[in-house]
Amino acid sequence: MAKGLPDEVLKYLKERAFSSIVIKNVKDIAQVKRIINSIKVFPTVKDCWVKNYSEGIAVVSVDLKRGALDEVSKMLTINDNYNFKIVNSGKYEIEAEIVSEKK
């Protein structure tokens, strides 16, 4: 019974090591890079990077300095570069949609 347990625990920890932001309505990879640069300046964010990008959906991994992911969710809605709609916000993942780019 315990034979597969270490692999399952390792998989679980890898999935939960960093929080994720799933961003929909992304135009291209250049826009993903601009979004990441915006997120990196949030005071609670230590670092972030693209985990996956495909067909207008980007998954960004986020390493937090402190605080919880809900603080990042709030900062997304008030950032200077994009208008985001938060679709869902959980303990380990935020699902957001780009409504428009701010000028």
C-alpha atoms as a PDB file:
ATOM      1  CA  MET A   1       0.000   0.000   0.000  1.00  0.00           C
ATOM      2  CA  ALA A   2       2.775   2.487   0.856  1.00  0.00           C
ATOM      3  CA  LYS A   3       4.744   1.645  -2.287  1.00  0.00           C
ATOM      4  CA  GLY A   4       3.313   4.526  -4.371  1.00  0.00           C
ATOM      5  CA  LEU A   5       2.860   6.907  -1.445  1.00  0.00           C
ATOM      6  CA  PRO A   6       6.216   8.756  -1.750  1.00  0.00           C
ATOM      7  CA  ASP A   7       5.519   9.492  -5.423  1.00  0.00           C
ATOM      8  CA  GLU A   8       2.022  10.762  -4.626  1.00  0.00           C
ATOM      9  CA  VAL A   9       3.318  12.982  -1.807  1.00  0.00           C
ATOM     10  CA  LEU A  10       6.053  14.398  -4.028  1.00  0.00           C
ATOM     11  CA  LYS A  11       3.542  15.117  -6.806  1.00  0.00           C
ATOM     12  CA  TYR A  12       1.196  16.834  -4.330  1.00  0.00           C
ATOM     13  CA  LEU A  13       3.991  19.005  -2.907  1.00  0.00           C
ATOM     14  CA  LYS A  14       5.200  20.016  -6.380  1.00  0.00           C
ATOM     15  CA  GLU A  15       1.684  21.090  -7.342  1.00  0.00           C
ATOM     16  CA  ARG A  16       1.236  23.109  -4.147  1.00  0.00           C
ATOM     17  CA  ALA A  17       4.760  24.556  -3.861  1.00  0.00           C
ATOM     18  CA  PHE A  18       3.755  27.633  -5.832  1.00  0.00           C
ATOM     19  CA  SER A  19       0.409  29.268  -6.380  1.00  0.00           C
ATOM     20  CA  SER A  20      -0.943  29.726  -9.891  1.00  0.00           C
ATOM     21  CA  ILE A  21      -2.772  32.434 -11.759  1.00  0.00           C
ATOM     22  CA  VAL A  22      -4.739  31.253 -14.783  1.00  0.00           C
ATOM     23  CA  ILE A  23      -5.230  34.200 -17.120  1.00  0.00           C
ATOM     24  CA  LYS A  24      -7.725  34.018 -19.986  1.00  0.00           C
ATOM     25  CA  ASN A  25      -8.117  36.268 -23.056  1.00  0.00           C
ATOM     26  CA  VAL A  26      -4.360  36.668 -23.529  1.00  0.00           C
ATOM     27  CA  LYS A  27      -3.412  37.949 -26.992  1.00  0.00           C
ATOM     28  CA  ASP A  28       0.140  36.617 -27.265  1.00  0.00           C
ATOM     29  CA  ILE A  29       3.277  35.669 -25.345  1.00  0.00           C
ATOM     30  CA  ALA A  30       4.456  39.308 -25.379  1.00  0.00           C
ATOM     31  CA  GLN A  31       1.350  40.249 -23.399  1.00  0.00           C
ATOM     32  CA  VAL A  32       2.077  37.413 -20.963  1.00  0.00           C
ATOM     33  CA  LYS A  33       5.557  38.861 -20.384  1.00  0.00           C
ATOM     34  CA  ARG A  34       4.090  42.332 -19.713  1.00  0.00           C
ATOM     35  CA  ILE A  35       1.604  40.839 -17.246  1.00  0.00           C
ATOM     36  CA  ILE A  36       4.372  38.954 -15.447  1.00  0.00           C
ATOM     37  CA  ASN A  37       6.414  42.149 -15.150  1.00  0.00           C
ATOM     38  CA  SER A  38       3.357  43.834 -13.605  1.00  0.00           C
ATOM     39  CA  ILE A  39       2.833  41.012 -11.102  1.00  0.00           C
ATOM     40  CA  LYS A  40       6.512  40.926 -10.082  1.00  0.00           C
ATOM     41  CA  VAL A  41       6.233  44.408  -8.573  1.00  0.00           C
ATOM     42  CA  PHE A  42       3.389  43.446  -6.217  1.00  0.00           C
ATOM     43  CA  PRO A  43       4.740  43.753  -2.646  1.00  0.00           C
ATOM     44  CA  THR A  44       3.672  40.227  -1.664  1.00  0.00           C
ATOM     45  CA  VAL A  45       5.206  38.546  -4.743  1.00  0.00           C
ATOM     46  CA  LYS A  46       8.752  37.216  -4.577  1.00  0.00           C
ATOM     47  CA  ASP A  47       8.857  35.961  -8.166  1.00  0.00           C
ATOM     48  CA  CYS A  48       6.616  34.682 -10.961  1.00  0.00           C
ATOM     49  CA  TRP A  49       7.073  32.916 -14.273  1.00  0.00           C
ATOM     50  CA  VAL A  50       5.109  31.334 -17.124  1.00  0.00           C
ATOM     51  CA  LYS A  51       4.187  27.752 -16.386  1.00  0.00           C
ATOM     52  CA  ASN A  52       2.148  27.246 -19.551  1.00  0.00           C
ATOM     53  CA  TYR A  53       0.721  29.274 -22.433  1.00  0.00           C
ATOM     54  CA  SER A  54      -1.667  27.949 -25.051  1.00  0.00           C
ATOM     55  CA  GLU A  55      -4.581  29.265 -27.092  1.00  0.00           C
ATOM     56  CA  GLY A  56      -5.100  32.521 -25.205  1.00  0.00           C
ATOM     57  CA  ILE A  57      -4.688  31.020 -21.735  1.00  0.00           C
ATOM     58  CA  ALA A  58      -1.578  31.587 -19.634  1.00  0.00           C
ATOM     59  CA  VAL A  59      -0.772  29.814 -16.400  1.00  0.00           C
ATOM     60  CA  VAL A  60       1.611  31.833 -14.248  1.00  0.00           C
ATOM     61  CA  SER A  61       3.326  30.348 -11.185  1.00  0.00           C
ATOM     62  CA  VAL A  62       3.720  32.738  -8.263  1.00  0.00           C
ATOM     63  CA  ASP A  63       6.165  32.525  -5.357  1.00  0.00           C
ATOM     64  CA  LEU A  64       4.883  34.675  -2.486  1.00  0.00           C
ATOM     65  CA  LYS A  65       7.113  36.578  -0.057  1.00  0.00           C
ATOM     66  CA  ARG A  66       4.366  36.802   2.501  1.00  0.00           C
ATOM     67  CA  GLY A  67       0.617  36.941   2.763  1.00  0.00           C
ATOM     68  CA  ALA A  68      -1.943  34.921   0.886  1.00  0.00           C
ATOM     69  CA  LEU A  69      -2.978  34.597  -2.716  1.00  0.00           C
ATOM     70  CA  ASP A  70      -6.148  36.635  -2.107  1.00  0.00           C
ATOM     71  CA  GLU A  71      -3.917  39.709  -1.698  1.00  0.00           C
ATOM     72  CA  VAL A  72      -2.537  39.096  -5.196  1.00  0.00           C
ATOM     73  CA  SER A  73      -6.109  38.811  -6.440  1.00  0.00           C
ATOM     74  CA  LYS A  74      -6.919  42.248  -5.016  1.00  0.00           C
ATOM     75  CA  MET A  75      -3.775  43.755  -6.546  1.00  0.00           C
ATOM     76  CA  LEU A  76      -4.666  42.344  -9.963  1.00  0.00           C
ATOM     77  CA  THR A  77      -7.920  44.281  -9.934  1.00  0.00           C
ATOM     78  CA  ILE A  78      -6.199  47.597  -9.133  1.00  0.00           C
ATOM     79  CA  ASN A  79      -2.997  47.297 -11.197  1.00  0.00           C
ATOM     80  CA  ASP A  80      -1.987  50.066 -13.601  1.00  0.00           C
ATOM     81  CA  ASN A  81      -1.717  48.050 -16.818  1.00  0.00           C
ATOM     82  CA  TYR A  82      -4.756  45.802 -17.264  1.00  0.00           C
ATOM     83  CA  ASN A  83      -8.400  45.544 -16.259  1.00  0.00           C
ATOM     84  CA  PHE A  84      -8.859  42.052 -14.853  1.00  0.00           C
ATOM     85  CA  LYS A  85     -12.045  40.283 -13.913  1.00  0.00           C
ATOM     86  CA  ILE A  86     -11.449  37.725 -11.152  1.00  0.00           C
ATOM     87  CA  VAL A  87     -13.483  34.664 -12.106  1.00  0.00           C
ATOM     88  CA  ASN A  88     -12.428  32.465  -9.198  1.00  0.00           C
ATOM     89  CA  SER A  89     -10.010  32.802  -6.318  1.00  0.00           C
ATOM     90  CA  GLY A  90      -8.916  29.896  -4.165  1.00  0.00           C
ATOM     91  CA  LYS A  91      -6.171  29.026  -1.743  1.00  0.00           C
ATOM     92  CA  TYR A  92      -3.703  27.907  -4.439  1.00  0.00           C
ATOM     93  CA  GLU A  93      -5.105  29.345  -7.665  1.00  0.00           C
ATOM     94  CA  ILE A  94      -6.619  32.496  -9.112  1.00  0.00           C
ATOM     95  CA  GLU A  95      -8.594  32.418 -12.335  1.00  0.00           C
ATOM     96  CA  ALA A  96      -8.669  35.813 -14.023  1.00  0.00           C
ATOM     97  CA  GLU A  97      -9.785  37.207 -17.347  1.00  0.00           C
ATOM     98  CA  ILE A  98      -8.321  40.209 -19.147  1.00  0.00           C
ATOM     99  CA  VAL A  99     -11.143  42.636 -19.836  1.00  0.00           C
ATOM    100  CA  SER A 100      -9.002  45.352 -21.432  1.00  0.00           C
ATOM    101  CA  GLU A 101      -5.592  46.965 -21.438  1.00  0.00           C
ATOM    102  CA  LYS A 102      -5.316  50.304 -19.669  1.00  0.00           C
ATOM    103  CA  LYS A 103      -3.880  53.176 -21.699  1.00  0.00           C
END
